Amino acid sequence: MTGIGPVEPYDPDDTSRPRTPLPPLPPGAAADTLGSDAPRLHDRWTALPRHRRRLLALGAAALTATLTGAALLLPTHPGAPAPDPWPAHVTHLRYDGPATARGTFAFTAYVDQGSAVTISHIQPGTAQLTVHVTPDTPFTAAPGAPRALRVHIGVRSCAALPHALDMTYLDVTLHNRRGRERHSFIFVDRYPHALLDHVHTVCRTPHTTPGPDMTP
């Protein structure tokens, strides 16, 4: 709407105002269409000749078959496999008890899931103890294939050992396809008691008398 001035209400029944007839359209001019009574799609389809409808139907069927075949030929991209868990999350070190040799303890390393884990650099919980591992590190443990190992504990200095010997854990370096981690395996109950008995035997009287397992 264009123009200037207030908008007045329109009453079609008001006969007090004169009505000005609209001028006729010039010949050949097209009138604006506000609505349409064009035939519906079904009516337009049925109005086509039979052979034309058949050609259109065959063309639509061929196009659908072509698109379907192309979709089947497209390469599929399955979702990326989940990464391996970090090695410390799936690797376990179980204490199995003292071995036959004095100062040697039996352990089993096993992996829950994921790729194989390489185990290396097994260190004692205190610098006053030494560790010798059989088999030699590094070695590998895979899911479903636990590895038995023997850990021999020696004593560097009886006098420097803590009274409580509370650092009864092993520091182990673990590596798999996800990454490398250094993890402390902490043991309670059986291994601490066995280790303390071994240290008392080696040192005779703790902090005073050296034992035969001392490392020069």
C-alpha atoms as a PDB file:
ATOM      1  CA  MET A   1       0.000   0.000   0.000  1.00  0.00           C
ATOM      2  CA  THR A   2       1.275   3.474  -0.889  1.00  0.00           C
ATOM      3  CA  GLY A   3      -0.032   6.934  -0.161  1.00  0.00           C
ATOM      4  CA  ILE A   4      -0.217   9.473   2.621  1.00  0.00           C
ATOM      5  CA  GLY A   5      -3.061   9.970   5.069  1.00  0.00           C
ATOM      6  CA  PRO A   6      -5.004   8.057   7.685  1.00  0.00           C
ATOM      7  CA  VAL A   7      -6.473   4.679   7.019  1.00  0.00           C
ATOM      8  CA  GLU A   8     -10.261   4.805   7.088  1.00  0.00           C
ATOM      9  CA  PRO A   9     -12.545   1.831   7.721  1.00  0.00           C
ATOM     10  CA  TYR A  10     -14.331   0.381   4.739  1.00  0.00           C
ATOM     11  CA  ASP A  11     -18.003  -0.423   4.978  1.00  0.00           C
ATOM     12  CA  PRO A  12     -19.412  -2.094   1.874  1.00  0.00           C
ATOM     13  CA  ASP A  13     -22.988  -1.261   2.996  1.00  0.00           C
ATOM     14  CA  ASP A  14     -22.298   2.457   3.297  1.00  0.00           C
ATOM     15  CA  THR A  15     -24.271   4.052   0.421  1.00  0.00           C
ATOM     16  CA  SER A  16     -23.684   7.611   1.541  1.00  0.00           C
ATOM     17  CA  ARG A  17     -20.351   7.738  -0.235  1.00  0.00           C
ATOM     18  CA  PRO A  18     -20.204   7.748  -3.996  1.00  0.00           C
ATOM     19  CA  ARG A  19     -18.412   4.879  -5.629  1.00  0.00           C
ATOM     20  CA  THR A  20     -16.139   5.416  -8.527  1.00  0.00           C
ATOM     21  CA  PRO A  21     -16.134   2.575 -11.028  1.00  0.00           C
ATOM     22  CA  LEU A  22     -12.725   1.033 -11.809  1.00  0.00           C
ATOM     23  CA  PRO A  23     -11.356   1.773 -15.246  1.00  0.00           C
ATOM     24  CA  PRO A  24     -11.292  -1.156 -17.648  1.00  0.00           C
ATOM     25  CA  LEU A  25      -7.971  -2.927 -18.333  1.00  0.00           C
ATOM     26  CA  PRO A  26      -6.270  -2.044 -21.586  1.00  0.00           C
ATOM     27  CA  PRO A  27      -6.338  -4.695 -24.277  1.00  0.00           C
ATOM     28  CA  GLY A  28      -3.646  -7.369 -23.755  1.00  0.00           C
ATOM     29  CA  ALA A  29      -2.883  -6.346 -20.163  1.00  0.00           C
ATOM     30  CA  ALA A  30      -2.537  -9.118 -17.581  1.00  0.00           C
ATOM     31  CA  ALA A  31      -4.316  -8.799 -14.287  1.00  0.00           C
ATOM     32  CA  ASP A  32      -2.599  -9.681 -10.956  1.00  0.00           C
ATOM     33  CA  THR A  33      -3.726 -13.076  -9.726  1.00  0.00           C
ATOM     34  CA  LEU A  34      -4.438 -13.374  -6.009  1.00  0.00           C
ATOM     35  CA  GLY A  35      -5.859 -16.891  -6.209  1.00  0.00           C
ATOM     36  CA  SER A  36      -5.898 -19.693  -8.693  1.00  0.00           C
ATOM     37  CA  ASP A  37      -8.311 -22.371  -9.691  1.00  0.00           C
ATOM     38  CA  ALA A  38      -5.634 -24.262 -11.632  1.00  0.00           C
ATOM     39  CA  PRO A  39      -6.283 -28.015 -11.977  1.00  0.00           C
ATOM     40  CA  ARG A  40      -4.885 -30.200  -9.231  1.00  0.00           C
ATOM     41  CA  LEU A  41      -1.874 -32.458  -9.860  1.00  0.00           C
ATOM     42  CA  HIS A  42      -4.022 -35.565 -10.260  1.00  0.00           C
ATOM     43  CA  ASP A  43      -6.250 -33.813 -12.766  1.00  0.00           C
ATOM     44  CA  ARG A  44      -3.245 -32.567 -14.710  1.00  0.00           C
ATOM     45  CA  TRP A  45      -1.745 -36.063 -14.739  1.00  0.00           C
ATOM     46  CA  THR A  46      -4.935 -37.676 -16.018  1.00  0.00           C
ATOM     47  CA  ALA A  47      -5.249 -34.992 -18.644  1.00  0.00           C
ATOM     48  CA  LEU A  48      -1.951 -36.078 -20.242  1.00  0.00           C
ATOM     49  CA  PRO A  49      -2.035 -38.532 -23.142  1.00  0.00           C
ATOM     50  CA  ARG A  50      -1.543 -42.149 -22.153  1.00  0.00           C
ATOM     51  CA  HIS A  51       1.759 -42.572 -24.000  1.00  0.00           C
ATOM     52  CA  ARG A  52       3.121 -39.403 -22.347  1.00  0.00           C
ATOM     53  CA  ARG A  53       2.211 -40.680 -18.898  1.00  0.00           C
ATOM     54  CA  ARG A  54       3.866 -44.005 -19.649  1.00  0.00           C
ATOM     55  CA  LEU A  55       7.112 -42.355 -20.758  1.00  0.00           C
ATOM     56  CA  LEU A  56       7.192 -40.179 -17.648  1.00  0.00           C
ATOM     57  CA  ALA A  57       6.581 -43.200 -15.395  1.00  0.00           C
ATOM     58  CA  LEU A  58       9.351 -45.204 -17.089  1.00  0.00           C
ATOM     59  CA  GLY A  59      11.749 -42.270 -16.770  1.00  0.00           C
ATOM     60  CA  ALA A  60      11.001 -41.859 -13.053  1.00  0.00           C
ATOM     61  CA  ALA A  61      11.530 -45.592 -12.449  1.00  0.00           C
ATOM     62  CA  ALA A  62      14.859 -45.542 -14.309  1.00  0.00           C
ATOM     63  CA  LEU A  63      16.048 -42.510 -12.337  1.00  0.00           C
ATOM     64  CA  THR A  64      15.137 -44.165  -9.038  1.00  0.00           C
ATOM     65  CA  ALA A  65      17.004 -47.353  -9.983  1.00  0.00           C
ATOM     66  CA  THR A  66      20.088 -45.359 -11.006  1.00  0.00           C
ATOM     67  CA  LEU A  67      20.181 -43.397  -7.746  1.00  0.00           C
ATOM     68  CA  THR A  68      19.705 -46.569  -5.702  1.00  0.00           C
ATOM     69  CA  GLY A  69      22.538 -48.366  -7.494  1.00  0.00           C
ATOM     70  CA  ALA A  70      24.847 -45.395  -7.068  1.00  0.00           C
ATOM     71  CA  ALA A  71      24.121 -45.293  -3.350  1.00  0.00           C
ATOM     72  CA  LEU A  72      24.958 -49.002  -3.014  1.00  0.00           C
ATOM     73  CA  LEU A  73      28.265 -48.524  -4.840  1.00  0.00           C
ATOM     74  CA  LEU A  74      29.412 -45.691  -2.586  1.00  0.00           C
ATOM     75  CA  PRO A  75      32.149 -46.798  -0.153  1.00  0.00           C
ATOM     76  CA  THR A  76      31.077 -47.157   3.427  1.00  0.00           C
ATOM     77  CA  HIS A  77      33.102 -45.558   6.190  1.00  0.00           C
ATOM     78  CA  PRO A  78      32.629 -47.423   9.453  1.00  0.00           C
ATOM     79  CA  GLY A  79      33.260 -45.552  12.640  1.00  0.00           C
ATOM     80  CA  ALA A  80      36.856 -45.300  13.780  1.00  0.00           C
ATOM     81  CA  PRO A  81      37.778 -48.008  16.284  1.00  0.00           C
ATOM     82  CA  ALA A  82      38.082 -46.935  19.881  1.00  0.00           C
ATOM     83  CA  PRO A  83      41.671 -46.254  20.941  1.00  0.00           C
ATOM     84  CA  ASP A  84      43.456 -48.699  23.207  1.00  0.00           C
ATOM     85  CA  PRO A  85      43.124 -47.925  26.923  1.00  0.00           C
ATOM     86  CA  TRP A  86      46.118 -46.549  28.753  1.00  0.00           C
ATOM     87  CA  PRO A  87      48.382 -49.426  29.860  1.00  0.00           C
ATOM     88  CA  ALA A  88      48.094 -48.668  33.578  1.00  0.00           C
ATOM     89  CA  HIS A  89      44.307 -49.048  33.339  1.00  0.00           C
ATOM     90  CA  VAL A  90      44.435 -52.629  32.047  1.00  0.00           C
ATOM     91  CA  THR A  91      47.664 -54.083  33.446  1.00  0.00           C
ATOM     92  CA  HIS A  92      47.740 -55.904  36.800  1.00  0.00           C
ATOM     93  CA  LEU A  93      50.550 -57.312  38.874  1.00  0.00           C
ATOM     94  CA  ARG A  94      49.473 -60.041  41.297  1.00  0.00           C
ATOM     95  CA  TYR A  95      51.605 -61.280  44.153  1.00  0.00           C
ATOM     96  CA  ASP A  96      51.615 -65.090  44.236  1.00  0.00           C
ATOM     97  CA  GLY A  97      53.881 -65.732  47.252  1.00  0.00           C
ATOM     98  CA  PRO A  98      57.540 -66.372  48.003  1.00  0.00           C
ATOM     99  CA  ALA A  99      59.532 -68.426  45.521  1.00  0.00           C
ATOM    100  CA  THR A 100      61.949 -71.222  46.455  1.00  0.00           C
ATOM    101  CA  ALA A 101      65.052 -69.032  46.439  1.00  0.00           C
ATOM    102  CA  ARG A 102      65.518 -66.810  49.457  1.00  0.00           C
ATOM    103  CA  GLY A 103      64.502 -63.221  48.820  1.00  0.00           C
ATOM    104  CA  THR A 104      62.680 -64.106  45.586  1.00  0.00           C
ATOM    105  CA  PHE A 105      58.968 -63.420  45.191  1.00  0.00           C
ATOM    106  CA  ALA A 106      56.565 -64.735  42.548  1.00  0.00           C
ATOM    107  CA  PHE A 107      54.271 -62.387  40.643  1.00  0.00           C
ATOM    108  CA  THR A 108      51.928 -62.690  37.666  1.00  0.00           C
ATOM    109  CA  ALA A 109      51.454 -59.858  35.180  1.00  0.00           C
ATOM    110  CA  TYR A 110      48.262 -59.897  33.137  1.00  0.00           C
ATOM    111  CA  VAL A 111      46.391 -57.532  30.827  1.00  0.00           C
ATOM    112  CA  ASP A 112      42.608 -57.179  30.755  1.00  0.00           C
ATOM    113  CA  GLN A 113      42.019 -55.853  27.236  1.00  0.00           C
ATOM    114  CA  GLY A 114      43.443 -53.879  24.350  1.00  0.00           C
ATOM    115  CA  SER A 115      46.836 -54.410  22.790  1.00  0.00           C
ATOM    116  CA  ALA A 116      49.801 -56.141  24.359  1.00  0.00           C
ATOM    117  CA  VAL A 117      51.659 -54.249  27.085  1.00  0.00           C
ATOM    118  CA  THR A 118      55.433 -54.119  27.347  1.00  0.00           C
ATOM    119  CA  ILE A 119      56.709 -54.173  30.948  1.00  0.00           C
ATOM    120  CA  SER A 120      60.098 -52.672  31.756  1.00  0.00           C
ATOM    121  CA  HIS A 121      62.153 -50.869  34.408  1.00  0.00           C
ATOM    122  CA  ILE A 122      60.789 -52.546  37.515  1.00  0.00           C
ATOM    123  CA  GLN A 123      62.122 -50.619  40.502  1.00  0.00           C
ATOM    124  CA  PRO A 124      61.715 -51.117  44.271  1.00  0.00           C
ATOM    125  CA  GLY A 125      59.775 -48.750  46.493  1.00  0.00           C
ATOM    126  CA  THR A 126      62.927 -47.460  48.178  1.00  0.00           C
ATOM    127  CA  ALA A 127      66.444 -46.803  46.954  1.00  0.00           C
ATOM    128  CA  GLN A 128      67.820 -49.008  49.750  1.00  0.00           C
ATOM    129  CA  LEU A 129      66.466 -52.123  48.026  1.00  0.00           C
ATOM    130  CA  THR A 130      67.536 -53.677  44.742  1.00  0.00           C
ATOM    131  CA  VAL A 131      65.453 -55.665  42.261  1.00  0.00           C
ATOM    132  CA  HIS A 132      66.401 -58.377  39.806  1.00  0.00           C
ATOM    133  CA  VAL A 133      63.592 -59.655  37.577  1.00  0.00           C
ATOM    134  CA  THR A 134      63.251 -62.943  35.699  1.00  0.00           C
ATOM    135  CA  PRO A 135      62.547 -62.920  32.761  1.00  0.00           C
ATOM    136  CA  ASP A 136      64.731 -59.988  31.907  1.00  0.00           C
ATOM    137  CA  THR A 137      62.893 -56.778  31.114  1.00  0.00           C
ATOM    138  CA  PRO A 138      61.477 -55.645  28.835  1.00  0.00           C
ATOM    139  CA  PHE A 139      58.950 -58.400  28.243  1.00  0.00           C
ATOM    140  CA  THR A 140      55.387 -58.388  26.924  1.00  0.00           C
ATOM    141  CA  ALA A 141      52.059 -59.476  28.395  1.00  0.00           C
ATOM    142  CA  ALA A 142      49.006 -59.763  26.141  1.00  0.00           C
ATOM    143  CA  PRO A 143      45.311 -60.201  26.954  1.00  0.00           C
ATOM    144  CA  GLY A 144      44.696 -63.880  27.661  1.00  0.00           C
ATOM    145  CA  ALA A 145      48.423 -64.598  28.010  1.00  0.00           C
ATOM    146  CA  PRO A 146      49.596 -63.754  31.569  1.00  0.00           C
ATOM    147  CA  ARG A 147      53.302 -63.714  32.304  1.00  0.00           C
ATOM    148  CA  ALA A 148      54.874 -65.223  35.407  1.00  0.00           C
ATOM    149  CA  LEU A 149      57.883 -63.414  36.808  1.00  0.00           C
ATOM    150  CA  ARG A 150      60.263 -63.738  39.720  1.00  0.00           C
ATOM    151  CA  VAL A 151      61.451 -60.649  41.573  1.00  0.00           C
ATOM    152  CA  HIS A 152      64.545 -60.996  43.744  1.00  0.00           C
ATOM    153  CA  ILE A 153      64.890 -58.303  46.399  1.00  0.00           C
ATOM    154  CA  GLY A 154      68.336 -57.343  47.704  1.00  0.00           C
ATOM    155  CA  VAL A 155      69.360 -54.858  50.370  1.00  0.00           C
ATOM    156  CA  ARG A 156      71.825 -52.023  49.757  1.00  0.00           C
ATOM    157  CA  SER A 157      72.106 -50.754  53.316  1.00  0.00           C
ATOM    158  CA  CYS A 158      70.396 -52.147  56.365  1.00  0.00           C
ATOM    159  CA  ALA A 159      71.161 -49.039  58.428  1.00  0.00           C
ATOM    160  CA  ALA A 160      69.437 -46.743  55.916  1.00  0.00           C
ATOM    161  CA  LEU A 161      66.216 -48.748  55.675  1.00  0.00           C
ATOM    162  CA  PRO A 162      63.109 -47.094  57.163  1.00  0.00           C
ATOM    163  CA  HIS A 163      61.897 -48.649  60.409  1.00  0.00           C
ATOM    164  CA  ALA A 164      58.386 -49.393  59.137  1.00  0.00           C
ATOM    165  CA  LEU A 165      59.437 -50.417  55.621  1.00  0.00           C
ATOM    166  CA  ASP A 166      56.129 -48.968  54.425  1.00  0.00           C
ATOM    167  CA  MET A 167      57.230 -48.443  50.820  1.00  0.00           C
ATOM    168  CA  THR A 168      56.344 -51.976  49.771  1.00  0.00           C
ATOM    169  CA  TYR A 169      55.462 -51.241  46.183  1.00  0.00           C
ATOM    170  CA  LEU A 170      57.052 -51.693  42.764  1.00  0.00           C
ATOM    171  CA  ASP A 171      57.444 -48.934  40.188  1.00  0.00           C
ATOM    172  CA  VAL A 172      56.887 -50.354  36.710  1.00  0.00           C
ATOM    173  CA  THR A 173      57.118 -48.724  33.284  1.00  0.00           C
ATOM    174  CA  LEU A 174      54.288 -49.828  30.971  1.00  0.00           C
ATOM    175  CA  HIS A 175      53.953 -49.231  27.256  1.00  0.00           C
ATOM    176  CA  ASN A 176      51.321 -50.119  24.636  1.00  0.00           C
ATOM    177  CA  ARG A 177      50.007 -48.604  21.413  1.00  0.00           C
ATOM    178  CA  ARG A 178      48.218 -45.876  23.393  1.00  0.00           C
ATOM    179  CA  GLY A 179      51.275 -44.576  25.214  1.00  0.00           C
ATOM    180  CA  ARG A 180      53.853 -45.014  27.960  1.00  0.00           C
ATOM    181  CA  GLU A 181      53.197 -44.738  31.705  1.00  0.00           C
ATOM    182  CA  ARG A 182      55.058 -45.281  34.936  1.00  0.00           C
ATOM    183  CA  HIS A 183      52.780 -46.925  37.467  1.00  0.00           C
ATOM    184  CA  SER A 184      53.249 -47.866  41.127  1.00  0.00           C
ATOM    185  CA  PHE A 185      51.792 -51.242  42.056  1.00  0.00           C
ATOM    186  CA  ILE A 186      51.012 -51.100  45.776  1.00  0.00           C
ATOM    187  CA  PHE A 187      50.704 -54.361  47.714  1.00  0.00           C
ATOM    188  CA  VAL A 188      49.117 -54.960  51.105  1.00  0.00           C
ATOM    189  CA  ASP A 189      49.076 -57.801  53.603  1.00  0.00           C
ATOM    190  CA  ARG A 190      51.042 -60.783  52.234  1.00  0.00           C
ATOM    191  CA  TYR A 191      53.831 -59.126  50.233  1.00  0.00           C
ATOM    192  CA  PRO A 192      54.715 -56.476  52.875  1.00  0.00           C
ATOM    193  CA  HIS A 193      54.918 -59.161  55.566  1.00  0.00           C
ATOM    194  CA  ALA A 194      57.041 -61.443  53.378  1.00  0.00           C
ATOM    195  CA  LEU A 195      59.337 -58.587  52.393  1.00  0.00           C
ATOM    196  CA  LEU A 196      59.767 -57.453  55.999  1.00  0.00           C
ATOM    197  CA  ASP A 197      60.627 -61.004  57.099  1.00  0.00           C
ATOM    198  CA  HIS A 198      63.188 -61.193  54.303  1.00  0.00           C
ATOM    199  CA  VAL A 199      64.780 -57.881  55.278  1.00  0.00           C
ATOM    200  CA  HIS A 200      64.976 -58.934  58.940  1.00  0.00           C
ATOM    201  CA  THR A 201      66.658 -62.146  57.907  1.00  0.00           C
ATOM    202  CA  VAL A 202      69.157 -60.355  55.689  1.00  0.00           C
ATOM    203  CA  CYS A 203      70.013 -57.666  58.178  1.00  0.00           C
ATOM    204  CA  ARG A 204      69.875 -59.887  61.277  1.00  0.00           C
ATOM    205  CA  THR A 205      69.338 -56.935  63.566  1.00  0.00           C
ATOM    206  CA  PRO A 206      67.836 -54.102  61.471  1.00  0.00           C
ATOM    207  CA  HIS A 207      69.990 -50.992  61.025  1.00  0.00           C
ATOM    208  CA  THR A 208      73.106 -52.527  62.611  1.00  0.00           C
ATOM    209  CA  THR A 209      74.224 -55.808  61.069  1.00  0.00           C
ATOM    210  CA  PRO A 210      74.531 -56.220  57.272  1.00  0.00           C
ATOM    211  CA  GLY A 211      73.262 -59.369  55.650  1.00  0.00           C
ATOM    212  CA  PRO A 212      74.617 -61.641  52.872  1.00  0.00           C
ATOM    213  CA  ASP A 213      72.257 -60.153  50.271  1.00  0.00           C
ATOM    214  CA  MET A 214      73.692 -56.664  50.555  1.00  0.00           C
ATOM    215  CA  THR A 215      74.853 -55.127  47.309  1.00  0.00           C
ATOM    216  CA  PRO A 216      78.367 -53.599  47.457  1.00  0.00           C
END
